[in-house]
Amino acid sequence: MHLQSLYLFLTILVPSILALPSTPPLPLQLRSQTCANSPSIIAGTLFTRDLTPPTRLPRTNPSVIWCAPGTQTYISVTTASALPSTPLLHLLGEVSTAIAAQIQAHGDSLITEGVFSFLGPAADGSAACALHVWNANNHQISWGVLLAATRALWDYMYNTGSFGGADFEIFDGGNQVGLGVVGVVG
């Protein structure tokens, strides 16, 4: 008797399961975020195009996704306060140079203790700017990913004119690997 009930149950259930759509439901498809600097590129995929700054960025969300060329690294940046461009661009340029030297001398590896801080010099009467980055989401950030993220942050500020203190998340592919802040010290 139980065998017949099981057979009847399976003959009803199996066709119902097979009739389910094979594509994911719409909310899962909408999760893909695109790069503000190249809207046809899904964030976290290899971004191989030259940068062509957009004419205007969407402002529906205070954070902007900005992809680093030649990598799968991208940042989600939220600018909090306006600052002069010169000290910020100078700081990010110095940080990129220091990280590239670290990689050249010691290879690409994980950042010691998962924290990186860099204090830029005060110039032209401006306050000093600093960058601070740390591991996030139970992942570790490497020097190479930090270099790509720093260059993406510089590129974002330069191409959009959004110079200011900012919070940012660093992603390598689909994984959030770091958090960071940049701004004036003191």
N, C-alpha and C. Protein backbone atom coordinates (compact mmCIF):
# COMPACT_ATOMS: atom_id res chain seq x y z
N MET A 1 0.81 -1.19 0.00
CA MET A 1 0.00 0.00 0.00
C MET A 1 0.86 1.26 0.00
N HIS A 2 1.91 1.28 0.86
CA HIS A 2 2.78 2.45 0.92
C HIS A 2 3.53 2.66 -0.39
N LEU A 3 3.89 1.60 -1.05
CA LEU A 3 4.61 1.70 -2.30
C LEU A 3 3.74 2.34 -3.38
N GLN A 4 2.46 2.00 -3.41
CA GLN A 4 1.55 2.61 -4.38
C GLN A 4 1.36 4.11 -4.09
N SER A 5 1.28 4.49 -2.84
CA SER A 5 1.13 5.90 -2.46
C SER A 5 2.37 6.68 -2.84
N LEU A 6 3.53 6.10 -2.61
CA LEU A 6 4.78 6.75 -2.97
C LEU A 6 4.86 6.93 -4.49
N TYR A 7 4.48 5.89 -5.23
CA TYR A 7 4.50 5.98 -6.69
C TYR A 7 3.56 7.08 -7.18
N LEU A 8 2.36 7.15 -6.63
CA LEU A 8 1.39 8.17 -7.01
C LEU A 8 1.92 9.57 -6.68
N PHE A 9 2.51 9.70 -5.51
CA PHE A 9 3.07 10.99 -5.09
C PHE A 9 4.19 11.43 -6.04
N LEU A 10 5.08 10.52 -6.40
CA LEU A 10 6.18 10.86 -7.30
C LEU A 10 5.70 11.17 -8.72
N THR A 11 4.67 10.49 -9.19
CA THR A 11 4.18 10.78 -10.54
C THR A 11 3.56 12.18 -10.63
N ILE A 12 3.09 12.69 -9.50
CA ILE A 12 2.55 14.06 -9.47
C ILE A 12 3.67 15.06 -9.25
N LEU A 13 4.61 14.74 -8.38
CA LEU A 13 5.67 15.68 -7.98
C LEU A 13 6.73 15.89 -9.06
N VAL A 14 7.22 14.83 -9.68
CA VAL A 14 8.33 14.94 -10.64
C VAL A 14 7.98 15.85 -11.82
N PRO A 15 6.83 15.71 -12.48
CA PRO A 15 6.52 16.63 -13.58
C PRO A 15 6.43 18.09 -13.11
N SER A 16 5.96 18.29 -11.88
CA SER A 16 5.86 19.65 -11.35
C SER A 16 7.25 20.27 -11.17
N ILE A 17 8.19 19.48 -10.70
CA ILE A 17 9.56 19.97 -10.51
C ILE A 17 10.20 20.26 -11.86
N LEU A 18 9.99 19.38 -12.82
CA LEU A 18 10.58 19.58 -14.14
C LEU A 18 9.99 20.79 -14.85
N ALA A 19 8.80 21.21 -14.48
CA ALA A 19 8.16 22.36 -15.13
C ALA A 19 8.65 23.69 -14.57
N LEU A 20 9.43 23.66 -13.49
CA LEU A 20 9.94 24.91 -12.91
C LEU A 20 10.90 25.57 -13.90
N PRO A 21 10.94 26.89 -13.93
CA PRO A 21 11.86 27.58 -14.85
C PRO A 21 13.31 27.30 -14.49
N SER A 22 14.16 27.20 -15.51
CA SER A 22 15.57 26.89 -15.26
C SER A 22 16.40 28.14 -15.00
N THR A 23 15.85 29.30 -15.26
CA THR A 23 16.59 30.54 -14.98
C THR A 23 16.25 31.01 -13.58
N PRO A 24 17.19 31.73 -12.95
CA PRO A 24 16.91 32.19 -11.60
C PRO A 24 15.79 33.24 -11.61
N PRO A 25 15.13 33.39 -10.49
CA PRO A 25 14.08 34.40 -10.43
C PRO A 25 14.65 35.79 -10.66
N LEU A 26 13.83 36.72 -11.07
CA LEU A 26 14.24 38.06 -11.42
C LEU A 26 15.06 38.77 -10.34
N PRO A 27 14.72 38.71 -9.06
CA PRO A 27 15.53 39.43 -8.07
C PRO A 27 16.99 39.01 -8.07
N LEU A 28 17.30 37.75 -8.33
CA LEU A 28 18.70 37.32 -8.38
C LEU A 28 19.41 37.88 -9.60
N GLN A 29 18.70 38.03 -10.70
CA GLN A 29 19.32 38.58 -11.90
C GLN A 29 19.63 40.05 -11.73
N LEU A 30 18.90 40.79 -10.90
CA LEU A 30 19.11 42.20 -10.72
C LEU A 30 20.27 42.52 -9.80
N ARG A 31 20.86 41.53 -9.15
CA ARG A 31 21.94 41.77 -8.21
C ARG A 31 23.23 42.20 -8.88
N SER A 32 23.42 41.92 -10.15
CA SER A 32 24.65 42.29 -10.83
C SER A 32 24.77 43.81 -10.87
N GLN A 33 25.90 44.30 -10.36
CA GLN A 33 26.16 45.72 -10.38
C GLN A 33 27.11 46.01 -11.53
N THR A 34 26.96 47.16 -12.13
CA THR A 34 27.83 47.52 -13.24
C THR A 34 28.76 48.65 -12.81
N CYS A 35 29.84 48.79 -13.57
CA CYS A 35 30.84 49.82 -13.30
C CYS A 35 30.33 51.17 -13.79
N ALA A 36 30.41 52.19 -12.96
CA ALA A 36 29.98 53.52 -13.37
C ALA A 36 30.87 54.04 -14.49
N ASN A 37 32.14 53.62 -14.51
CA ASN A 37 33.06 54.08 -15.55
C ASN A 37 32.96 53.26 -16.82
N SER A 38 32.13 52.23 -16.86
CA SER A 38 31.85 51.47 -18.07
C SER A 38 30.58 50.65 -17.81
N PRO A 39 29.41 51.25 -17.97
CA PRO A 39 28.15 50.62 -17.58
C PRO A 39 27.84 49.27 -18.20
N SER A 40 28.54 48.89 -19.27
CA SER A 40 28.28 47.58 -19.87
C SER A 40 29.09 46.48 -19.18
N ILE A 41 29.97 46.83 -18.25
CA ILE A 41 30.81 45.86 -17.56
C ILE A 41 30.21 45.53 -16.20
N ILE A 42 30.04 44.26 -15.91
CA ILE A 42 29.57 43.83 -14.60
C ILE A 42 30.73 43.90 -13.63
N ALA A 43 30.52 44.56 -12.50
CA ALA A 43 31.56 44.71 -11.49
C ALA A 43 32.04 43.34 -11.03
N GLY A 44 33.36 43.20 -10.95
CA GLY A 44 33.95 41.94 -10.52
C GLY A 44 34.40 41.06 -11.66
N THR A 45 34.03 41.41 -12.90
CA THR A 45 34.54 40.68 -14.05
C THR A 45 35.77 41.41 -14.56
N LEU A 46 36.56 40.76 -15.37
CA LEU A 46 37.78 41.37 -15.88
C LEU A 46 37.44 42.59 -16.71
N PHE A 47 37.99 43.73 -16.33
CA PHE A 47 37.73 45.01 -16.98
C PHE A 47 38.96 45.34 -17.81
N THR A 48 38.86 45.15 -19.14
CA THR A 48 40.03 45.31 -20.01
C THR A 48 39.98 46.54 -20.89
N ARG A 49 38.94 47.32 -20.81
CA ARG A 49 38.81 48.49 -21.68
C ARG A 49 39.59 49.67 -21.13
N ASP A 50 39.94 50.58 -22.05
CA ASP A 50 40.48 51.87 -21.62
C ASP A 50 39.36 52.65 -20.96
N LEU A 51 39.72 53.51 -20.04
CA LEU A 51 38.72 54.29 -19.34
C LEU A 51 38.19 55.41 -20.22
N THR A 52 36.91 55.47 -20.33
CA THR A 52 36.24 56.59 -20.97
C THR A 52 35.27 57.12 -19.94
N PRO A 53 35.56 58.28 -19.36
CA PRO A 53 34.69 58.77 -18.29
C PRO A 53 33.27 59.00 -18.78
N PRO A 54 32.29 58.64 -17.97
CA PRO A 54 30.91 58.88 -18.35
C PRO A 54 30.61 60.38 -18.35
N THR A 55 29.63 60.77 -19.12
CA THR A 55 29.27 62.19 -19.15
C THR A 55 28.58 62.59 -17.86
N ARG A 56 27.84 61.71 -17.26
CA ARG A 56 27.28 61.97 -15.94
C ARG A 56 27.04 60.63 -15.27
N LEU A 57 27.15 60.61 -13.97
CA LEU A 57 26.97 59.38 -13.21
C LEU A 57 25.57 59.32 -12.64
N PRO A 58 25.00 58.10 -12.57
CA PRO A 58 23.70 57.98 -11.93
C PRO A 58 23.83 58.32 -10.45
N ARG A 59 22.88 59.02 -9.90
CA ARG A 59 22.94 59.44 -8.49
C ARG A 59 21.79 58.88 -7.67
N THR A 60 21.26 57.72 -8.05
CA THR A 60 20.18 57.13 -7.29
C THR A 60 20.70 56.53 -5.99
N ASN A 61 21.96 56.20 -5.93
CA ASN A 61 22.57 55.62 -4.76
C ASN A 61 23.78 56.48 -4.40
N PRO A 62 23.98 56.79 -3.13
CA PRO A 62 25.12 57.65 -2.78
C PRO A 62 26.47 57.00 -3.07
N SER A 63 26.52 55.69 -3.19
CA SER A 63 27.79 55.05 -3.50
C SER A 63 27.88 54.79 -5.00
N VAL A 64 29.12 54.81 -5.50
CA VAL A 64 29.37 54.61 -6.93
C VAL A 64 30.32 53.43 -7.08
N ILE A 65 30.02 52.52 -7.98
CA ILE A 65 30.90 51.40 -8.30
C ILE A 65 31.89 51.88 -9.35
N TRP A 66 33.19 51.72 -9.09
CA TRP A 66 34.22 52.16 -10.04
C TRP A 66 35.21 51.01 -10.21
N CYS A 67 35.41 50.56 -11.43
CA CYS A 67 36.24 49.40 -11.71
C CYS A 67 37.67 49.80 -12.07
N ALA A 68 38.61 48.99 -11.64
CA ALA A 68 40.03 49.21 -11.94
C ALA A 68 40.38 48.49 -13.24
N PRO A 69 40.91 49.21 -14.23
CA PRO A 69 41.23 48.60 -15.52
C PRO A 69 42.25 47.47 -15.40
N GLY A 70 42.06 46.44 -16.22
CA GLY A 70 42.99 45.32 -16.28
C GLY A 70 42.89 44.36 -15.12
N THR A 71 41.86 44.52 -14.28
CA THR A 71 41.72 43.66 -13.10
C THR A 71 40.26 43.29 -12.90
N GLN A 72 40.01 42.48 -11.89
CA GLN A 72 38.65 42.19 -11.44
C GLN A 72 38.34 42.99 -10.18
N THR A 73 39.19 43.93 -9.84
CA THR A 73 39.04 44.74 -8.64
C THR A 73 38.13 45.93 -8.93
N TYR A 74 37.26 46.23 -7.98
CA TYR A 74 36.45 47.44 -8.08
C TYR A 74 36.20 47.97 -6.68
N ILE A 75 35.81 49.23 -6.64
CA ILE A 75 35.49 49.87 -5.36
C ILE A 75 34.06 50.37 -5.40
N SER A 76 33.47 50.45 -4.24
CA SER A 76 32.19 51.12 -4.05
C SER A 76 32.51 52.30 -3.15
N VAL A 77 32.46 53.50 -3.72
CA VAL A 77 32.94 54.69 -3.02
C VAL A 77 31.80 55.65 -2.72
N THR A 78 31.83 56.21 -1.51
CA THR A 78 30.88 57.23 -1.09
C THR A 78 31.68 58.44 -0.63
N THR A 79 31.54 59.54 -1.34
CA THR A 79 32.25 60.76 -0.97
C THR A 79 31.43 61.48 0.09
N ALA A 80 32.11 61.86 1.19
CA ALA A 80 31.39 62.45 2.32
C ALA A 80 31.54 63.97 2.40
N SER A 81 32.73 64.48 2.11
CA SER A 81 32.95 65.92 2.26
C SER A 81 33.89 66.40 1.17
N ALA A 82 33.63 67.58 0.65
CA ALA A 82 34.46 68.14 -0.42
C ALA A 82 35.82 68.58 0.13
N LEU A 83 36.87 68.29 -0.63
CA LEU A 83 38.23 68.68 -0.27
C LEU A 83 38.93 69.17 -1.53
N PRO A 84 39.99 69.96 -1.38
CA PRO A 84 40.76 70.38 -2.55
C PRO A 84 41.35 69.17 -3.27
N SER A 85 41.41 69.24 -4.58
CA SER A 85 41.86 68.10 -5.38
C SER A 85 43.35 67.82 -5.23
N THR A 86 44.17 68.85 -5.15
CA THR A 86 45.62 68.66 -5.19
C THR A 86 46.14 67.73 -4.09
N PRO A 87 45.81 67.97 -2.80
CA PRO A 87 46.36 67.06 -1.78
C PRO A 87 45.86 65.63 -1.91
N LEU A 88 44.60 65.45 -2.31
CA LEU A 88 44.06 64.10 -2.46
C LEU A 88 44.73 63.35 -3.61
N LEU A 89 44.82 63.98 -4.76
CA LEU A 89 45.45 63.31 -5.91
C LEU A 89 46.92 63.04 -5.62
N HIS A 90 47.58 63.98 -4.93
CA HIS A 90 48.98 63.80 -4.57
C HIS A 90 49.13 62.61 -3.62
N LEU A 91 48.26 62.54 -2.62
CA LEU A 91 48.29 61.42 -1.67
C LEU A 91 48.10 60.09 -2.39
N LEU A 92 47.06 60.01 -3.23
CA LEU A 92 46.78 58.74 -3.91
C LEU A 92 47.89 58.36 -4.87
N GLY A 93 48.53 59.35 -5.50
CA GLY A 93 49.68 59.07 -6.35
C GLY A 93 50.85 58.53 -5.54
N GLU A 94 51.13 59.13 -4.38
CA GLU A 94 52.20 58.65 -3.51
C GLU A 94 51.92 57.25 -2.98
N VAL A 95 50.66 57.00 -2.62
CA VAL A 95 50.28 55.66 -2.14
C VAL A 95 50.51 54.63 -3.23
N SER A 96 50.07 54.92 -4.45
CA SER A 96 50.26 53.99 -5.57
C SER A 96 51.74 53.71 -5.80
N THR A 97 52.56 54.74 -5.74
CA THR A 97 54.01 54.57 -5.93
C THR A 97 54.60 53.69 -4.83
N ALA A 98 54.20 53.92 -3.59
CA ALA A 98 54.72 53.13 -2.46
C ALA A 98 54.29 51.66 -2.57
N ILE A 99 53.04 51.42 -2.95
CA ILE A 99 52.56 50.04 -3.08
C ILE A 99 53.26 49.34 -4.23
N ALA A 100 53.42 50.02 -5.36
CA ALA A 100 54.12 49.43 -6.51
C ALA A 100 55.56 49.08 -6.13
N ALA A 101 56.22 49.93 -5.34
CA ALA A 101 57.59 49.64 -4.88
C ALA A 101 57.60 48.42 -3.97
N GLN A 102 56.59 48.30 -3.10
CA GLN A 102 56.47 47.14 -2.21
C GLN A 102 56.34 45.85 -3.03
N ILE A 103 55.50 45.89 -4.04
CA ILE A 103 55.30 44.71 -4.89
C ILE A 103 56.58 44.39 -5.66
N GLN A 104 57.24 45.42 -6.18
CA GLN A 104 58.49 45.22 -6.93
C GLN A 104 59.56 44.58 -6.05
N ALA A 105 59.66 45.03 -4.81
CA ALA A 105 60.71 44.54 -3.91
C ALA A 105 60.39 43.18 -3.30
N HIS A 106 59.11 42.92 -2.98
CA HIS A 106 58.77 41.72 -2.22
C HIS A 106 57.72 40.83 -2.86
N GLY A 107 57.22 41.22 -4.03
CA GLY A 107 56.18 40.43 -4.68
C GLY A 107 54.81 40.75 -4.12
N ASP A 108 53.80 40.27 -4.79
CA ASP A 108 52.42 40.50 -4.35
C ASP A 108 52.10 39.47 -3.28
N SER A 109 51.74 39.94 -2.12
CA SER A 109 51.39 39.06 -1.00
C SER A 109 50.31 39.76 -0.18
N LEU A 110 49.88 39.09 0.87
CA LEU A 110 48.87 39.69 1.74
C LEU A 110 49.49 40.81 2.56
N ILE A 111 48.71 41.81 2.87
CA ILE A 111 49.18 42.94 3.66
C ILE A 111 49.34 42.49 5.11
N THR A 112 50.50 42.76 5.68
CA THR A 112 50.82 42.34 7.04
C THR A 112 49.77 42.87 8.02
N GLU A 113 49.25 41.97 8.83
CA GLU A 113 48.25 42.26 9.85
C GLU A 113 46.96 42.84 9.27
N GLY A 114 46.82 42.86 7.95
CA GLY A 114 45.58 43.27 7.32
C GLY A 114 45.24 44.74 7.42
N VAL A 115 46.24 45.58 7.69
CA VAL A 115 45.99 47.02 7.82
C VAL A 115 47.07 47.78 7.06
N PHE A 116 46.65 48.82 6.33
CA PHE A 116 47.58 49.69 5.62
C PHE A 116 47.18 51.14 5.89
N SER A 117 48.13 51.94 6.34
CA SER A 117 47.89 53.37 6.58
C SER A 117 48.99 54.17 5.91
N PHE A 118 48.62 55.31 5.35
CA PHE A 118 49.60 56.17 4.69
C PHE A 118 49.21 57.62 4.96
N LEU A 119 50.16 58.37 5.50
CA LEU A 119 49.95 59.78 5.78
C LEU A 119 50.72 60.61 4.77
N GLY A 120 50.00 61.42 4.03
CA GLY A 120 50.63 62.29 3.05
C GLY A 120 51.07 63.59 3.70
N PRO A 121 52.06 64.25 3.14
CA PRO A 121 52.53 65.50 3.73
C PRO A 121 51.54 66.64 3.48
N ALA A 122 51.50 67.58 4.39
CA ALA A 122 50.71 68.79 4.19
C ALA A 122 51.45 69.64 3.16
N ALA A 123 50.72 70.23 2.24
CA ALA A 123 51.35 71.04 1.19
C ALA A 123 50.55 72.30 0.94
N ASP A 124 51.23 73.36 0.63
CA ASP A 124 50.59 74.63 0.26
C ASP A 124 49.58 75.09 1.30
N GLY A 125 49.90 74.92 2.57
CA GLY A 125 48.99 75.36 3.62
C GLY A 125 47.80 74.45 3.82
N SER A 126 47.70 73.36 3.05
CA SER A 126 46.60 72.42 3.21
C SER A 126 46.88 71.47 4.37
N ALA A 127 45.83 70.95 4.93
CA ALA A 127 45.98 69.93 5.96
C ALA A 127 46.47 68.64 5.30
N ALA A 128 47.16 67.81 6.06
CA ALA A 128 47.63 66.53 5.54
C ALA A 128 46.45 65.59 5.29
N CYS A 129 46.57 64.79 4.25
CA CYS A 129 45.56 63.77 3.94
C CYS A 129 46.13 62.40 4.27
N ALA A 130 45.24 61.47 4.55
CA ALA A 130 45.67 60.11 4.87
C ALA A 130 44.72 59.10 4.25
N LEU A 131 45.27 57.90 4.03
CA LEU A 131 44.49 56.76 3.54
C LEU A 131 44.66 55.64 4.55
N HIS A 132 43.57 54.99 4.90
CA HIS A 132 43.62 53.86 5.84
C HIS A 132 42.75 52.75 5.28
N VAL A 133 43.31 51.54 5.16
CA VAL A 133 42.60 50.38 4.58
C VAL A 133 42.80 49.19 5.50
N TRP A 134 41.78 48.35 5.61
CA TRP A 134 41.88 47.15 6.44
C TRP A 134 41.06 46.02 5.82
N ASN A 135 41.39 44.79 6.24
CA ASN A 135 40.67 43.60 5.77
C ASN A 135 39.20 43.69 6.14
N ALA A 136 38.37 43.02 5.36
CA ALA A 136 36.93 43.01 5.65
C ALA A 136 36.31 41.70 5.23
N ASN A 137 35.16 41.42 5.83
CA ASN A 137 34.31 40.32 5.40
C ASN A 137 35.03 38.98 5.45
N ASN A 138 35.89 38.82 6.45
CA ASN A 138 36.64 37.59 6.65
C ASN A 138 37.52 37.23 5.45
N HIS A 139 37.98 38.24 4.72
CA HIS A 139 38.91 38.07 3.61
C HIS A 139 40.14 38.91 3.87
N GLN A 140 41.21 38.63 3.14
CA GLN A 140 42.45 39.39 3.30
C GLN A 140 42.77 40.11 2.01
N ILE A 141 43.27 41.32 2.15
CA ILE A 141 43.60 42.14 0.99
C ILE A 141 45.08 41.98 0.64
N SER A 142 45.37 41.91 -0.63
CA SER A 142 46.77 41.79 -1.09
C SER A 142 47.26 43.15 -1.56
N TRP A 143 48.58 43.25 -1.71
CA TRP A 143 49.17 44.49 -2.20
C TRP A 143 48.68 44.82 -3.62
N GLY A 144 48.54 43.80 -4.45
CA GLY A 144 48.08 44.03 -5.82
C GLY A 144 46.66 44.55 -5.89
N VAL A 145 45.78 43.99 -5.07
CA VAL A 145 44.39 44.46 -5.03
C VAL A 145 44.34 45.87 -4.44
N LEU A 146 45.16 46.14 -3.42
CA LEU A 146 45.20 47.48 -2.85
C LEU A 146 45.69 48.50 -3.88
N LEU A 147 46.68 48.11 -4.67
CA LEU A 147 47.17 49.01 -5.73
C LEU A 147 46.06 49.30 -6.74
N ALA A 148 45.37 48.28 -7.17
CA ALA A 148 44.27 48.47 -8.14
C ALA A 148 43.16 49.34 -7.53
N ALA A 149 42.84 49.12 -6.27
CA ALA A 149 41.79 49.90 -5.61
C ALA A 149 42.20 51.37 -5.46
N THR A 150 43.47 51.60 -5.11
CA THR A 150 43.97 52.97 -4.95
C THR A 150 43.94 53.69 -6.29
N ARG A 151 44.34 53.00 -7.34
CA ARG A 151 44.30 53.61 -8.67
C ARG A 151 42.86 53.87 -9.12
N ALA A 152 41.95 52.97 -8.77
CA ALA A 152 40.54 53.18 -9.10
C ALA A 152 39.98 54.39 -8.35
N LEU A 153 40.38 54.56 -7.09
CA LEU A 153 39.93 55.71 -6.31
C LEU A 153 40.46 57.01 -6.91
N TRP A 154 41.74 57.03 -7.30
CA TRP A 154 42.32 58.20 -7.95
C TRP A 154 41.56 58.50 -9.25
N ASP A 155 41.34 57.46 -10.04
CA ASP A 155 40.66 57.62 -11.32
C ASP A 155 39.23 58.12 -11.14
N TYR A 156 38.54 57.60 -10.14
CA TYR A 156 37.17 58.04 -9.86
C TYR A 156 37.16 59.53 -9.53
N MET A 157 38.01 59.94 -8.60
CA MET A 157 38.02 61.36 -8.19
C MET A 157 38.43 62.27 -9.35
N TYR A 158 39.44 61.86 -10.09
CA TYR A 158 39.94 62.68 -11.20
C TYR A 158 38.89 62.84 -12.30
N ASN A 159 38.26 61.73 -12.70
CA ASN A 159 37.33 61.76 -13.83
C ASN A 159 35.94 62.29 -13.49
N THR A 160 35.55 62.26 -12.22
CA THR A 160 34.22 62.76 -11.86
C THR A 160 34.28 64.12 -11.18
N GLY A 161 35.47 64.51 -10.74
CA GLY A 161 35.59 65.77 -10.00
C GLY A 161 35.04 65.67 -8.59
N SER A 162 34.82 64.45 -8.11
CA SER A 162 34.28 64.23 -6.76
C SER A 162 35.43 64.10 -5.77
N PHE A 163 36.12 65.19 -5.53
CA PHE A 163 37.25 65.18 -4.60
C PHE A 163 36.72 65.38 -3.19
N GLY A 164 37.11 64.47 -2.30
CA GLY A 164 36.66 64.65 -0.93
C GLY A 164 37.00 63.48 -0.06
N GLY A 165 36.74 63.68 1.21
CA GLY A 165 36.86 62.57 2.14
C GLY A 165 35.89 61.50 1.70
N ALA A 166 36.30 60.26 1.78
CA ALA A 166 35.44 59.19 1.26
C ALA A 166 35.63 57.91 2.05
N ASP A 167 34.57 57.14 2.10
CA ASP A 167 34.61 55.76 2.58
C ASP A 167 34.50 54.89 1.34
N PHE A 168 35.19 53.75 1.35
CA PHE A 168 35.07 52.87 0.20
C PHE A 168 35.23 51.42 0.61
N GLU A 169 34.59 50.57 -0.18
CA GLU A 169 34.69 49.12 -0.04
C GLU A 169 35.53 48.62 -1.20
N ILE A 170 36.36 47.62 -0.95
CA ILE A 170 37.21 47.06 -2.00
C ILE A 170 36.74 45.63 -2.28
N PHE A 171 36.52 45.36 -3.57
CA PHE A 171 36.09 44.03 -3.99
C PHE A 171 37.11 43.45 -4.95
N ASP A 172 37.38 42.17 -4.80
CA ASP A 172 38.23 41.43 -5.73
C ASP A 172 37.35 40.34 -6.32
N GLY A 173 36.94 40.53 -7.57
CA GLY A 173 35.94 39.63 -8.15
C GLY A 173 34.64 39.87 -7.41
N GLY A 174 34.02 38.83 -6.93
CA GLY A 174 32.76 38.98 -6.20
C GLY A 174 32.92 39.11 -4.71
N ASN A 175 34.16 39.13 -4.21
CA ASN A 175 34.38 39.14 -2.76
C ASN A 175 34.80 40.50 -2.25
N GLN A 176 34.13 40.94 -1.20
CA GLN A 176 34.58 42.15 -0.51
C GLN A 176 35.79 41.75 0.33
N VAL A 177 36.94 42.41 0.06
CA VAL A 177 38.16 42.05 0.75
C VAL A 177 38.68 43.15 1.68
N GLY A 178 38.18 44.37 1.50
CA GLY A 178 38.69 45.45 2.33
C GLY A 178 37.73 46.61 2.44
N LEU A 179 38.01 47.44 3.44
CA LEU A 179 37.31 48.70 3.64
C LEU A 179 38.37 49.78 3.76
N GLY A 180 38.00 51.00 3.43
CA GLY A 180 38.98 52.07 3.54
C GLY A 180 38.34 53.43 3.71
N VAL A 181 39.18 54.37 4.15
CA VAL A 181 38.78 55.77 4.27
C VAL A 181 39.94 56.62 3.77
N VAL A 182 39.59 57.75 3.20
CA VAL A 182 40.59 58.73 2.77
C VAL A 182 40.06 60.10 3.16
N GLY A 183 40.94 60.96 3.66
CA GLY A 183 40.49 62.28 4.05
C GLY A 183 41.58 63.09 4.73
N VAL A 184 41.15 64.20 5.31
CA VAL A 184 42.06 65.11 5.99
C VAL A 184 42.32 64.61 7.39
N VAL A 185 43.56 64.74 7.83
CA VAL A 185 43.94 64.34 9.19
C VAL A 185 43.83 65.56 10.09
N GLY A 186 43.26 65.35 11.27
CA GLY A 186 43.20 66.42 12.27
C GLY A 186 41.98 67.15 12.31
